[in-house]
Amino acid sequence: MNQWQRMYEEKKMTAESLARQFKNGNVCVSTGQVAEPTGILQVLALYAPELDLEHIRHCVLLPLRQQEYMKAGMEKYIYHISHFVSAYDRNMIWEGRGDYMPAHYSQVPQVWTSVLPEPDVFYAAVSPMDEHGYFSFGTAADLSEVRHHAEKILVEVNPTMPRSFGSFIHISEVDGIWENDAPITVVDPPPVTNTDLAIGQMIADEIPNGATLQLGIGGIPNAVAQSLLDKRNLGVHSEMFCDSMVDLTLAGVITNGCKRIHRGTSVATFTFASRRTYDFIDNNPGVAFLPVSYVNDPRVIAMNDQVISINSCIEIDLFGQVCSETMGTKNYSGVGGQIDFIRGAAASKGGKSFLAFTATAKKGKVSKIKPVLTEGACVSTTRNDVDYVVTEFGMARLKGLTCSQRAKALIRIAAPAFREELTEAARKMHIIV
């Protein structure tokens, strides 16, 4: 047993000793998605009532499973704060048992290092320790730098967490270890529809050889990837590393050979994906997970040429204002890195950004292109930032268009059943005559 293994054994904790690391009113920041330390949170939820631990704030981005602390009545012990709302915390936030903190993804670490008081605890799920005493941050390096500002660092070691490259933490930095062998969350890619494929092909036609990709979540980004198999020398600099990137890498389409920074390496800050993707990134030096303050910094994004940013939204109005995070006044998701990459692509030589979505919701009964945003909806992306907008009915490039031209262009790509209604509304608002 070497010195790092001895240190590891000394820092392993029982459930009660782990729970006693927390104090009333502690602010605790976690890495996001699959790397949220669910085992530590389960222990904390179990012991908090017994130890009279109250008003602990757990701060995370995009939780991906239901947990004990999320149950009604637990908020007096552990209060949930989300930087990106998911299906698992949406109701508790709507009911006032948790809250949402808006911020561009690139700026979330700054919130915890220079805007608010520094956190009491940083915790993360990590891969097993290597022979040199290092744990990999695995599927999420997004908030990993926050640990340097926390009073206490706890890690949850999980043998099913892939050992990714790019971001590591040494055993000497760690105050406590909890072992959890429960399988990490697997999220299989959603099915790709014919509508997705139609949108994906339109976007793929705009992507040149040698471009650097940022793909978001959902069927449309996967459809775009399926339409890129005839491209060459594409690169990845993306907040999310997704399943389709594995396919494109294995097909020789993604080589990262034309990137100006991190040439030869796909760069991301997190992944939640299939087990196949986790296995692909495990011990793969061709993929690096780095802190979100770096990956999503528009200045860093713009260092690569021909950056292609592909995201989605909830709705867009005839002025070109985009809502990507609320359903009216209700927080539904989050802005994430949408603005980070739209602005990074705009500053990139030859860069383009796309907002892609199906033209309707609720089985065709509601148009996502609206005269004005739903009352109370938040503007996620301003009309000044929007570049390309794509639906299954066509593509509109808003950049460089006047207000009336924008409205007409958006109406042209709306579902046909709503075009007359949208045109009449635009006239009443004096956008077009």
Protein backbone atom coordinates (compact mmCIF):
# COMPACT_ATOMS: atom_id res chain seq x y z
CA MET A 1 0.00 0.00 0.00
CA ASN A 2 1.56 3.33 -1.08
CA GLN A 3 1.09 6.69 0.60
CA TRP A 4 -1.90 7.63 -1.56
CA GLN A 5 -3.70 4.39 -0.78
CA ARG A 6 -3.05 4.88 2.93
CA MET A 7 -4.40 8.43 2.68
CA TYR A 8 -7.45 7.10 0.85
CA GLU A 9 -8.19 4.59 3.60
CA GLU A 10 -7.80 7.28 6.27
CA LYS A 11 -10.29 9.57 4.53
CA LYS A 12 -13.02 6.98 3.93
CA MET A 13 -16.10 7.77 5.99
CA THR A 14 -18.98 5.96 7.60
CA ALA A 15 -22.46 7.28 6.93
CA GLU A 16 -22.68 9.08 10.27
CA SER A 17 -19.20 10.60 10.05
CA LEU A 18 -20.04 11.80 6.55
CA ALA A 19 -23.28 13.41 7.72
CA ARG A 20 -21.43 15.16 10.54
CA GLN A 21 -19.28 16.99 7.98
CA PHE A 22 -22.28 19.27 7.39
CA LYS A 23 -23.45 22.12 9.61
CA ASN A 24 -26.66 24.11 9.80
CA GLY A 25 -26.88 26.68 7.03
CA ASN A 26 -24.06 25.19 4.96
CA VAL A 27 -23.93 26.14 1.28
CA CYS A 28 -22.92 23.09 -0.77
CA VAL A 29 -22.01 23.18 -4.47
CA SER A 30 -21.98 20.09 -6.66
CA THR A 31 -20.80 19.16 -10.10
CA GLY A 32 -23.78 18.61 -12.37
CA GLN A 33 -25.88 16.00 -14.13
CA VAL A 34 -24.54 12.44 -13.77
CA ALA A 35 -21.71 13.66 -11.49
CA GLU A 36 -24.07 14.86 -8.76
CA PRO A 37 -23.03 12.84 -5.65
CA THR A 38 -26.33 11.06 -5.12
CA GLY A 39 -24.94 8.71 -2.47
CA ILE A 40 -23.70 11.58 -0.29
CA LEU A 41 -27.06 13.30 -0.69
CA GLN A 42 -28.88 10.12 0.31
CA VAL A 43 -26.82 9.89 3.50
CA LEU A 44 -27.40 13.57 4.24
CA ALA A 45 -31.15 13.21 3.73
CA LEU A 46 -31.20 10.19 6.06
CA TYR A 47 -29.24 11.81 8.89
CA ALA A 48 -30.31 15.46 8.64
CA PRO A 49 -33.48 15.06 10.77
CA GLU A 50 -31.66 12.92 13.33
CA LEU A 51 -28.74 15.38 13.65
CA ASP A 52 -31.01 18.46 13.53
CA LEU A 53 -29.30 19.70 10.39
CA GLU A 54 -31.37 22.47 8.83
CA HIS A 55 -31.22 25.07 6.06
CA ILE A 56 -28.47 23.32 4.11
CA ARG A 57 -28.47 24.62 0.54
CA HIS A 58 -27.63 22.12 -2.20
CA CYS A 59 -26.69 23.85 -5.46
CA VAL A 60 -26.52 21.86 -8.69
CA LEU A 61 -27.11 22.09 -12.42
CA LEU A 62 -29.57 19.74 -14.17
CA PRO A 63 -30.25 16.88 -11.71
CA LEU A 64 -30.94 13.61 -13.52
CA ARG A 65 -32.66 11.44 -10.94
CA GLN A 66 -35.28 11.70 -8.18
CA GLN A 67 -33.75 11.70 -4.72
CA GLU A 68 -34.85 11.42 -1.11
CA TYR A 69 -34.05 15.03 -0.25
CA MET A 70 -36.45 16.20 -2.98
CA LYS A 71 -39.50 14.83 -1.17
CA ALA A 72 -42.03 17.26 0.31
CA GLY A 73 -41.07 18.24 3.85
CA MET A 74 -37.32 17.73 3.31
CA GLU A 75 -36.78 21.33 2.20
CA LYS A 76 -36.40 22.48 5.83
CA TYR A 77 -33.29 20.31 5.99
CA ILE A 78 -31.91 20.46 2.45
CA TYR A 79 -33.04 23.29 0.19
CA HIS A 80 -32.47 22.74 -3.51
CA ILE A 81 -31.09 25.48 -5.77
CA SER A 82 -30.82 24.70 -9.47
CA HIS A 83 -28.87 26.44 -12.23
CA PHE A 84 -30.76 24.44 -14.87
CA VAL A 85 -34.18 22.96 -14.15
CA SER A 86 -34.94 19.37 -15.16
CA ALA A 87 -37.93 17.05 -15.03
CA TYR A 88 -36.73 15.92 -11.60
CA ASP A 89 -36.74 19.28 -9.80
CA ARG A 90 -39.31 21.21 -11.86
CA ASN A 91 -42.30 20.54 -9.61
CA MET A 92 -40.45 21.22 -6.36
CA ILE A 93 -39.35 24.59 -7.73
CA TRP A 94 -42.87 25.41 -8.91
CA GLU A 95 -44.16 24.48 -5.44
CA GLY A 96 -41.62 26.69 -3.67
CA ARG A 97 -39.63 23.80 -2.17
CA GLY A 98 -36.58 24.79 -4.22
CA ASP A 99 -35.47 27.65 -6.42
CA TYR A 100 -33.77 28.48 -9.70
CA MET A 101 -30.74 30.77 -10.03
CA PRO A 102 -30.41 32.24 -13.55
CA ALA A 103 -26.91 32.59 -14.95
CA HIS A 104 -25.04 31.97 -18.18
CA TYR A 105 -23.40 28.57 -17.76
CA SER A 106 -19.93 30.07 -18.24
CA GLN A 107 -20.54 32.39 -15.29
CA VAL A 108 -21.93 29.90 -12.76
CA PRO A 109 -18.51 29.20 -11.18
CA GLN A 110 -17.99 32.95 -10.80
CA VAL A 111 -21.24 33.15 -8.82
CA TRP A 112 -19.71 30.84 -6.21
CA THR A 113 -16.19 32.23 -6.26
CA SER A 114 -16.61 36.00 -6.36
CA VAL A 115 -20.28 37.09 -6.27
CA LEU A 116 -21.68 35.15 -3.32
CA PRO A 117 -19.85 34.09 -0.16
CA GLU A 118 -17.62 31.12 -0.87
CA PRO A 119 -19.29 27.72 -0.35
CA ASP A 120 -18.82 25.65 2.77
CA VAL A 121 -18.74 22.32 0.93
CA PHE A 122 -17.88 21.20 -2.58
CA TYR A 123 -18.80 17.65 -3.49
CA ALA A 124 -18.69 15.55 -6.65
CA ALA A 125 -18.97 12.02 -7.95
CA VAL A 126 -15.59 10.96 -9.34
CA SER A 127 -13.88 7.95 -10.87
CA PRO A 128 -11.73 5.62 -8.74
CA MET A 129 -8.31 6.90 -7.69
CA ASP A 130 -5.34 6.03 -9.91
CA GLU A 131 -1.89 4.92 -8.75
CA HIS A 132 -0.75 8.54 -8.50
CA GLY A 133 -3.56 9.58 -6.17
CA TYR A 134 -5.77 11.31 -8.74
CA PHE A 135 -9.51 11.04 -9.25
CA SER A 136 -11.03 12.08 -12.57
CA PHE A 137 -14.10 14.31 -12.60
CA GLY A 138 -15.55 11.84 -15.09
CA THR A 139 -18.71 13.05 -16.78
CA ALA A 140 -18.70 16.63 -15.48
CA ALA A 141 -15.86 19.06 -14.95
CA ASP A 142 -18.25 22.01 -15.18
CA LEU A 143 -17.99 23.40 -11.64
CA SER A 144 -14.82 21.55 -10.65
CA GLU A 145 -12.87 24.76 -10.07
CA VAL A 146 -15.28 25.83 -7.32
CA ARG A 147 -13.51 23.35 -5.04
CA HIS A 148 -10.59 25.75 -4.70
CA HIS A 149 -12.91 28.17 -2.89
CA ALA A 150 -14.73 25.70 -0.63
CA GLU A 151 -13.89 25.12 3.01
CA LYS A 152 -14.39 21.37 2.67
CA ILE A 153 -14.13 18.93 -0.27
CA LEU A 154 -15.97 15.60 -0.35
CA VAL A 155 -15.83 13.07 -3.17
CA GLU A 156 -18.09 10.14 -3.97
CA VAL A 157 -16.04 7.42 -5.62
CA ASN A 158 -18.01 5.37 -8.12
CA PRO A 159 -16.45 2.50 -10.11
CA THR A 160 -18.98 3.01 -12.93
CA MET A 161 -17.85 6.62 -13.46
CA PRO A 162 -15.60 6.82 -16.56
CA ARG A 163 -12.08 8.12 -16.10
CA SER A 164 -12.08 11.08 -18.46
CA PHE A 165 -9.11 13.29 -19.23
CA GLY A 166 -8.82 17.02 -18.66
CA SER A 167 -9.80 17.58 -15.02
CA PHE A 168 -8.53 15.72 -11.97
CA ILE A 169 -8.48 16.14 -8.20
CA HIS A 170 -5.74 14.74 -5.97
CA ILE A 171 -6.36 12.76 -2.79
CA SER A 172 -4.38 15.37 -0.84
CA GLU A 173 -7.09 17.96 -1.63
CA VAL A 174 -9.92 15.78 -0.35
CA ASP A 175 -11.36 15.95 3.18
CA GLY A 176 -13.66 12.96 3.00
CA ILE A 177 -14.49 9.98 0.77
CA TRP A 178 -17.78 8.15 0.32
CA GLU A 179 -17.88 5.02 -1.82
CA ASN A 180 -20.94 4.30 -3.94
CA ASP A 181 -21.12 1.43 -6.42
CA ALA A 182 -24.63 2.20 -7.71
CA PRO A 183 -24.53 2.57 -11.51
CA ILE A 184 -24.34 6.16 -12.69
CA THR A 185 -27.32 7.48 -14.63
CA VAL A 186 -27.50 6.37 -18.25
CA VAL A 187 -29.48 8.55 -20.67
CA ASP A 188 -30.04 6.90 -24.02
CA PRO A 189 -30.44 9.23 -27.02
CA PRO A 190 -34.02 10.18 -27.90
CA PRO A 191 -35.48 8.75 -31.10
CA VAL A 192 -34.90 10.85 -34.20
CA THR A 193 -38.10 11.68 -36.09
CA ASN A 194 -38.55 12.48 -39.76
CA THR A 195 -39.14 16.09 -38.75
CA ASP A 196 -35.83 16.10 -36.88
CA LEU A 197 -34.10 14.69 -39.96
CA ALA A 198 -35.56 17.40 -42.19
CA ILE A 199 -34.30 20.11 -39.85
CA GLY A 200 -30.98 18.35 -39.41
CA GLN A 201 -30.32 18.16 -43.14
CA MET A 202 -30.97 21.89 -43.61
CA ILE A 203 -28.45 22.73 -40.90
CA ALA A 204 -25.91 20.17 -42.13
CA ASP A 205 -25.96 21.81 -45.56
CA GLU A 206 -24.66 25.00 -43.88
CA ILE A 207 -21.76 23.29 -42.10
CA PRO A 208 -18.44 23.39 -43.99
CA ASN A 209 -15.63 20.88 -43.78
CA GLY A 210 -13.26 21.79 -40.96
CA ALA A 211 -15.97 23.37 -38.79
CA THR A 212 -15.99 23.10 -34.99
CA LEU A 213 -19.27 21.85 -33.53
CA GLN A 214 -21.34 22.62 -30.47
CA LEU A 215 -24.38 20.38 -30.27
CA GLY A 216 -27.10 20.63 -27.66
CA ILE A 217 -29.57 18.14 -26.26
CA GLY A 218 -32.32 16.27 -28.10
CA GLY A 219 -33.37 14.68 -31.35
CA ILE A 220 -32.47 17.58 -33.64
CA PRO A 221 -28.74 17.70 -32.76
CA ASN A 222 -28.61 13.93 -33.25
CA ALA A 223 -30.34 14.36 -36.60
CA VAL A 224 -27.79 16.98 -37.61
CA ALA A 225 -25.03 14.54 -36.79
CA GLN A 226 -26.61 11.84 -38.96
CA SER A 227 -26.49 14.27 -41.87
CA LEU A 228 -22.78 15.02 -41.43
CA LEU A 229 -21.33 11.69 -42.49
CA ASP A 230 -20.07 13.15 -45.78
CA LYS A 231 -18.15 15.96 -44.03
CA ARG A 232 -14.45 15.96 -43.25
CA ASN A 233 -12.18 17.14 -40.43
CA LEU A 234 -14.88 18.41 -38.10
CA GLY A 235 -13.96 19.36 -34.54
CA VAL A 236 -15.73 19.46 -31.18
CA HIS A 237 -15.74 22.35 -28.71
CA SER A 238 -19.08 21.92 -26.97
CA GLU A 239 -20.51 22.23 -23.49
CA MET A 240 -21.99 18.74 -23.95
CA PHE A 241 -20.32 15.67 -25.41
CA CYS A 242 -23.20 13.67 -26.88
CA ASP A 243 -23.75 10.20 -28.32
CA SER A 244 -23.67 11.35 -31.93
CA MET A 245 -20.13 12.65 -31.46
CA VAL A 246 -18.98 9.09 -30.81
CA ASP A 247 -20.51 7.97 -34.10
CA LEU A 248 -18.90 10.82 -36.03
CA THR A 249 -15.51 10.18 -34.42
CA LEU A 250 -15.59 6.47 -35.21
CA ALA A 251 -16.66 7.31 -38.79
CA GLY A 252 -13.60 9.53 -39.19
CA VAL A 253 -15.69 12.68 -39.60
CA ILE A 254 -14.58 14.24 -36.32
CA THR A 255 -10.79 14.50 -36.26
CA ASN A 256 -10.31 17.88 -34.53
CA GLY A 257 -7.55 18.39 -37.06
CA CYS A 258 -8.51 21.93 -38.09
CA LYS A 259 -9.04 23.43 -34.64
CA ARG A 260 -6.81 26.31 -33.61
CA ILE A 261 -6.90 25.33 -29.93
CA HIS A 262 -6.90 21.79 -28.50
CA ARG A 263 -6.11 20.41 -31.94
CA GLY A 264 -6.69 16.67 -32.01
CA THR A 265 -8.95 16.72 -28.94
CA SER A 266 -12.72 16.95 -28.51
CA VAL A 267 -13.41 19.43 -25.71
CA ALA A 268 -16.53 19.53 -23.54
CA THR A 269 -17.53 20.30 -19.96
CA PHE A 270 -20.07 17.51 -19.32
CA THR A 271 -21.88 14.54 -20.76
CA PHE A 272 -24.96 12.55 -19.93
CA ALA A 273 -25.42 9.81 -22.44
CA SER A 274 -25.54 6.10 -23.16
CA ARG A 275 -23.22 3.60 -21.52
CA ARG A 276 -21.53 3.29 -24.91
CA THR A 277 -20.52 6.95 -24.75
CA TYR A 278 -19.26 6.61 -21.18
CA ASP A 279 -17.13 3.66 -22.29
CA PHE A 280 -15.84 5.69 -25.25
CA ILE A 281 -14.57 8.54 -23.05
CA ASP A 282 -13.11 6.19 -20.43
CA ASN A 283 -9.31 6.55 -20.54
CA ASN A 284 -9.60 8.25 -23.94
CA PRO A 285 -7.08 11.10 -24.31
CA GLY A 286 -8.93 12.23 -27.44
CA VAL A 287 -11.69 13.72 -25.26
CA ALA A 288 -11.10 16.32 -22.54
CA PHE A 289 -13.60 17.62 -19.98
CA LEU A 290 -12.63 21.08 -18.75
CA PRO A 291 -14.25 23.68 -16.43
CA VAL A 292 -17.25 25.47 -17.89
CA SER A 293 -15.76 28.89 -17.18
CA TYR A 294 -13.18 28.01 -19.85
CA VAL A 295 -15.12 25.82 -22.29
CA ASN A 296 -18.09 28.19 -22.50
CA ASP A 297 -16.15 31.46 -22.44
CA PRO A 298 -17.16 33.18 -25.71
CA ARG A 299 -13.59 34.47 -26.07
CA VAL A 300 -12.25 30.92 -25.94
CA ILE A 301 -14.97 29.60 -28.25
CA ALA A 302 -14.09 32.25 -30.83
CA MET A 303 -10.45 31.13 -30.95
CA ASN A 304 -11.56 28.33 -33.28
CA ASP A 305 -12.65 29.18 -36.82
CA GLN A 306 -16.02 28.19 -38.27
CA VAL A 307 -17.68 27.48 -34.94
CA ILE A 308 -21.16 26.03 -35.51
CA SER A 309 -23.52 26.35 -32.54
CA ILE A 310 -26.78 24.38 -32.60
CA ASN A 311 -29.37 24.84 -29.86
CA SER A 312 -33.12 24.86 -29.39
CA CYS A 313 -35.74 26.99 -27.68
CA ILE A 314 -39.29 26.97 -26.34
CA GLU A 315 -40.61 29.85 -28.44
CA ILE A 316 -39.61 32.88 -30.52
CA ASP A 317 -41.58 36.03 -31.31
CA LEU A 318 -41.80 38.04 -34.51
CA PHE A 319 -39.15 40.46 -33.24
CA GLY A 320 -36.69 37.57 -32.98
CA GLN A 321 -36.69 37.41 -29.18
CA VAL A 322 -36.12 33.87 -27.91
CA CYS A 323 -37.35 32.14 -24.77
CA SER A 324 -35.48 28.95 -23.92
CA GLU A 325 -36.11 28.55 -20.20
CA THR A 326 -39.65 29.38 -19.06
CA MET A 327 -43.23 28.39 -19.81
CA GLY A 328 -44.79 31.77 -19.23
CA THR A 329 -43.74 32.66 -15.68
CA LYS A 330 -42.77 29.09 -14.73
CA ASN A 331 -39.12 28.05 -14.81
CA TYR A 332 -38.98 25.04 -17.12
CA SER A 333 -35.32 24.48 -18.00
CA GLY A 334 -32.46 26.99 -18.16
CA VAL A 335 -30.44 29.15 -20.49
CA GLY A 336 -27.37 26.96 -20.04
CA GLY A 337 -24.64 27.88 -22.49
CA GLN A 338 -26.91 29.05 -25.29
CA ILE A 339 -25.75 32.67 -25.18
CA ASP A 340 -22.16 31.66 -24.50
CA PHE A 341 -22.00 29.73 -27.76
CA ILE A 342 -24.16 32.04 -29.84
CA ARG A 343 -21.83 34.92 -28.99
CA GLY A 344 -18.74 32.75 -29.33
CA ALA A 345 -19.83 31.61 -32.78
CA ALA A 346 -20.59 35.20 -33.79
CA ALA A 347 -17.03 36.20 -32.89
CA SER A 348 -15.52 33.16 -34.62
CA LYS A 349 -14.17 33.58 -38.15
CA GLY A 350 -16.85 32.03 -40.37
CA GLY A 351 -18.96 31.05 -37.35
CA LYS A 352 -22.72 30.49 -37.39
CA SER A 353 -25.36 29.79 -34.75
CA PHE A 354 -28.64 27.96 -35.25
CA LEU A 355 -31.77 27.83 -33.12
CA ALA A 356 -33.67 24.78 -34.31
CA PHE A 357 -37.07 23.53 -33.21
CA THR A 358 -40.27 21.99 -34.53
CA ALA A 359 -42.71 24.70 -35.58
CA THR A 360 -45.54 23.64 -33.28
CA ALA A 361 -46.25 22.20 -29.84
CA LYS A 362 -49.16 20.28 -28.32
CA LYS A 363 -49.65 18.07 -31.39
CA GLY A 364 -49.77 20.99 -33.80
CA LYS A 365 -52.24 23.10 -31.83
CA VAL A 366 -49.77 25.81 -30.75
CA SER A 367 -47.22 27.69 -32.86
CA LYS A 368 -43.78 28.15 -31.34
CA ILE A 369 -43.38 31.22 -33.53
CA LYS A 370 -45.61 33.82 -31.86
CA PRO A 371 -46.48 37.48 -32.35
CA VAL A 372 -45.05 38.18 -28.89
CA LEU A 373 -43.63 35.85 -26.28
CA THR A 374 -46.07 34.31 -23.83
CA GLU A 375 -46.90 36.73 -21.01
CA GLY A 376 -44.21 36.49 -18.36
CA ALA A 377 -41.80 34.50 -20.53
CA CYS A 378 -38.14 35.40 -20.05
CA VAL A 379 -36.00 36.53 -22.96
CA SER A 380 -33.10 34.08 -23.02
CA THR A 381 -31.50 35.19 -26.29
CA THR A 382 -32.03 38.75 -27.45
CA ARG A 383 -33.06 39.60 -30.99
CA ASN A 384 -29.65 41.21 -31.41
CA ASP A 385 -27.91 37.84 -30.96
CA VAL A 386 -30.06 35.53 -33.07
CA ASP A 387 -28.50 34.30 -36.31
CA TYR A 388 -30.25 31.36 -38.04
CA VAL A 389 -33.69 30.04 -37.05
CA VAL A 390 -34.73 26.64 -38.41
CA THR A 391 -37.99 24.67 -38.39
CA GLU A 392 -39.15 21.78 -40.55
CA PHE A 393 -40.65 24.40 -42.88
CA GLY A 394 -37.42 26.21 -43.67
CA MET A 395 -34.54 28.35 -42.50
CA ALA A 396 -34.47 32.09 -41.78
CA ARG A 397 -31.30 34.05 -41.19
CA LEU A 398 -32.34 37.01 -39.02
CA LYS A 399 -28.94 38.65 -38.77
CA GLY A 400 -28.89 41.68 -41.04
CA LEU A 401 -32.67 41.89 -41.45
CA THR A 402 -34.90 44.80 -40.49
CA CYS A 403 -37.83 44.30 -38.11
CA SER A 404 -40.35 43.85 -40.92
CA GLN A 405 -38.01 41.52 -42.82
CA ARG A 406 -37.49 39.42 -39.69
CA ALA A 407 -41.21 39.05 -39.11
CA LYS A 408 -41.81 38.00 -42.71
CA ALA A 409 -38.91 35.54 -42.63
CA LEU A 410 -40.18 33.94 -39.42
CA ILE A 411 -43.74 33.72 -40.74
CA ARG A 412 -42.42 31.89 -43.81
CA ILE A 413 -40.97 29.10 -41.63
CA ALA A 414 -43.98 28.88 -39.29
CA ALA A 415 -46.45 26.04 -39.68
CA PRO A 416 -48.77 26.89 -42.62
CA ALA A 417 -51.87 26.78 -40.42
CA PHE A 418 -50.58 29.75 -38.40
CA ARG A 419 -49.11 31.98 -41.10
CA GLU A 420 -52.24 34.02 -41.80
CA GLU A 421 -52.82 34.57 -38.08
CA LEU A 422 -49.19 35.65 -37.58
CA THR A 423 -49.33 37.99 -40.56
CA GLU A 424 -52.47 39.68 -39.24
CA ALA A 425 -50.89 40.05 -35.79
CA ALA A 426 -47.75 41.56 -37.32
CA ARG A 427 -49.88 44.14 -39.11
CA LYS A 428 -51.77 45.03 -35.94
CA MET A 429 -48.45 45.53 -34.15
CA HIS A 430 -47.26 47.73 -37.05
CA ILE A 431 -44.28 45.47 -37.71
CA ILE A 432 -45.35 44.99 -41.31
CA VAL A 433 -47.81 46.92 -43.46
